[in-house]
Protein backbone atom coordinates (compact mmCIF):
# COMPACT_ATOMS: atom_id res chain seq x y z
CA MET A 1 0.00 0.00 0.00
CA PRO A 2 1.46 3.41 -0.88
CA LYS A 3 2.49 5.82 1.81
CA PRO A 4 0.32 8.92 2.33
CA TYR A 5 1.59 12.35 1.33
CA SER A 6 3.40 14.26 4.08
CA ILE A 7 1.69 16.80 6.28
CA ASP A 8 4.08 19.45 4.93
CA LEU A 9 2.92 18.89 1.36
CA ARG A 10 -0.70 18.86 2.48
CA GLU A 11 -0.24 22.20 4.25
CA ARG A 12 1.36 23.76 1.15
CA VAL A 13 -1.43 22.48 -1.14
CA VAL A 14 -4.15 23.80 1.17
CA GLY A 15 -2.38 27.15 1.46
CA TYR A 16 -2.06 27.36 -2.34
CA VAL A 17 -5.79 26.71 -2.84
CA GLU A 18 -6.80 28.97 0.06
CA ALA A 19 -4.82 31.79 -1.60
CA GLY A 20 -7.38 31.76 -4.41
CA ARG A 21 -5.86 29.39 -6.95
CA SER A 22 -7.78 26.50 -8.49
CA ARG A 23 -7.44 22.90 -7.41
CA ARG A 24 -6.22 21.90 -10.87
CA ALA A 25 -3.53 24.59 -10.71
CA ALA A 26 -2.47 23.31 -7.28
CA ALA A 27 -2.25 19.76 -8.61
CA ALA A 28 -0.09 20.87 -11.55
CA HIS A 29 2.11 23.08 -9.36
CA PHE A 30 2.86 20.38 -6.74
CA GLY A 31 2.91 17.40 -9.12
CA VAL A 32 0.05 15.49 -7.51
CA SER A 33 -3.22 14.25 -8.92
CA VAL A 34 -6.28 16.46 -9.18
CA SER A 35 -8.33 13.93 -7.24
CA PHE A 36 -5.86 14.13 -4.32
CA VAL A 37 -6.28 17.92 -4.14
CA VAL A 38 -10.07 17.73 -4.46
CA ILE A 39 -10.40 15.08 -1.75
CA LEU A 40 -7.87 16.85 0.48
CA MET A 41 -9.77 20.14 0.26
CA ARG A 42 -13.13 18.44 0.85
CA ASN A 43 -11.82 16.67 3.97
CA TYR A 44 -10.04 19.82 5.17
CA ARG A 45 -13.22 21.87 4.91
CA ARG A 46 -15.22 19.20 6.77
CA THR A 47 -12.80 18.38 9.56
CA GLU A 48 -10.15 21.12 9.44
CA SER A 49 -7.57 18.35 9.72
CA LEU A 50 -4.78 17.52 7.30
CA ALA A 51 -4.00 14.11 8.76
CA PRO A 52 -4.33 11.21 6.33
CA LYS A 53 -6.95 8.57 6.96
CA ALA A 54 -5.86 5.40 8.72
CA SER A 55 -4.69 2.65 6.42
CA GLY A 56 -4.27 -1.06 6.93
CA GLY A 57 -5.27 -2.64 10.17
CA ARG A 58 -6.82 -5.94 11.04
CA ARG A 59 -10.03 -6.94 9.33
CA HIS A 60 -12.53 -8.64 11.58
CA SER A 61 -14.11 -11.88 10.51
CA LYS A 62 -17.81 -12.56 10.84
CA LEU A 63 -16.76 -15.90 12.37
CA ASP A 64 -15.12 -14.28 15.42
CA PRO A 65 -18.39 -14.00 17.39
CA HIS A 66 -18.96 -17.74 16.82
CA ARG A 67 -15.51 -18.77 18.06
CA ALA A 68 -16.76 -20.94 20.95
CA PHE A 69 -19.25 -22.73 18.69
CA LEU A 70 -16.68 -23.51 15.97
CA LEU A 71 -13.87 -24.58 18.27
CA GLY A 72 -16.28 -26.64 20.36
CA HIS A 73 -17.42 -28.57 17.31
CA VAL A 74 -13.84 -29.11 16.10
CA VAL A 75 -12.81 -30.45 19.53
CA GLU A 76 -15.95 -32.58 19.82
CA LYS A 77 -15.58 -34.14 16.38
CA ASP A 78 -11.99 -33.80 15.20
CA ASP A 79 -12.61 -35.27 11.74
CA ILE A 80 -15.46 -32.89 10.85
CA THR A 81 -15.34 -31.53 7.32
CA MET A 82 -15.57 -27.87 6.49
CA PRO A 83 -18.90 -28.25 4.61
CA GLU A 84 -20.37 -30.05 7.63
CA LEU A 85 -19.14 -27.32 9.94
CA ALA A 86 -20.58 -24.62 7.64
CA ALA A 87 -23.95 -26.42 7.59
CA GLU A 88 -24.01 -26.69 11.39
CA LEU A 89 -23.17 -23.01 11.76
CA LEU A 90 -25.98 -22.11 9.36
CA ALA A 91 -28.45 -24.30 11.24
CA ALA A 92 -27.44 -23.11 14.71
CA ALA A 93 -26.70 -19.40 14.22
CA GLY A 94 -28.10 -18.58 10.78
CA VAL A 95 -24.68 -17.50 9.49
CA GLN A 96 -23.96 -18.56 5.93
CA VAL A 97 -20.26 -18.87 5.20
CA ALA A 98 -18.14 -20.70 2.65
CA PRO A 99 -16.26 -23.80 3.86
CA ALA A 100 -12.98 -22.27 2.63
CA SER A 101 -13.57 -19.27 4.89
CA ILE A 102 -13.95 -21.55 7.89
CA SER A 103 -10.75 -23.34 6.93
CA ARG A 104 -8.79 -20.07 6.67
CA TRP A 105 -10.28 -18.90 9.99
CA LEU A 106 -9.24 -22.13 11.72
CA ILE A 107 -5.70 -21.82 10.33
CA ARG A 108 -5.48 -18.21 11.59
CA ASN A 109 -6.61 -19.46 15.01
CA GLY A 110 -3.89 -22.10 15.30
CA TYR A 111 -5.51 -25.20 13.82
CA ARG A 112 -3.38 -26.88 11.15
CA PHE A 113 -3.45 -30.13 9.23
CA LYS A 114 -2.58 -32.99 11.53
CA LYS A 115 0.97 -34.19 10.81
CA ASN A 116 3.18 -36.80 12.39
CA ALA A 117 6.81 -36.38 13.43
CA ALA A 118 8.14 -37.38 10.00
CA GLY A 119 6.17 -34.59 8.33
CA GLN A 120 3.72 -36.96 6.67
CA ARG A 121 0.00 -36.63 7.16
CA ALA A 122 -1.12 -38.85 9.99
CA ARG A 123 -3.09 -41.89 8.91
CA SER A 124 -6.17 -43.27 10.49
CA SER A 125 -5.59 -46.20 12.84
CA ARG A 126 -8.08 -48.20 10.75
CA ARG A 127 -5.94 -48.00 7.62
CA LEU A 128 -3.57 -50.91 7.02
CA GLN A 129 0.06 -50.30 6.19
CA GLY A 130 0.83 -51.59 2.69
CA ALA A 131 -1.26 -53.85 0.53
CA ALA A 132 -3.66 -56.22 2.26
CA GLY A 133 -2.22 -59.69 2.83
CA VAL A 134 1.32 -58.83 1.69
CA ALA A 135 2.89 -57.00 4.60
CA GLY A 136 4.84 -59.23 7.00
CA GLN A 137 4.22 -62.51 5.17
CA ALA A 138 6.90 -64.86 3.81
CA PRO A 139 6.78 -65.63 0.09
CA ALA A 140 4.67 -68.59 -0.93
CA ALA A 141 6.48 -71.94 -1.23
CA ASP A 142 5.53 -72.41 -4.91
CA ALA A 143 6.90 -68.99 -5.95
CA THR A 144 10.39 -70.42 -6.69
């Protein structure tokens, strides 16, 4: 995001226009856009302040008020899918939100994909390692 113009420049532009010159002439003289001068003069006349408006800052999510509900459901059912969670939030609180938004919100709040120590995704305990019937068995006697 670009930096705002300095207070010094803003004071000089306002003084130039207040001296009776046009806004377009002020823009040409100081090398700024006409829209900057027009908006600066409008805000100066309203508020008598030359300070730039605040920029940046944290945006607030509409999911923040439902934090306890969402985290409670994730703790209660750790394998819940994002579409299921979105449907439950809609049914309980009437808030319609995309599943991807819930996923991004959970990541911002410290929930990540479950990984094991080796950096691989953790598998379910129900899933067998390797092909069924092959792992840990000796070769058949007639395979020679």
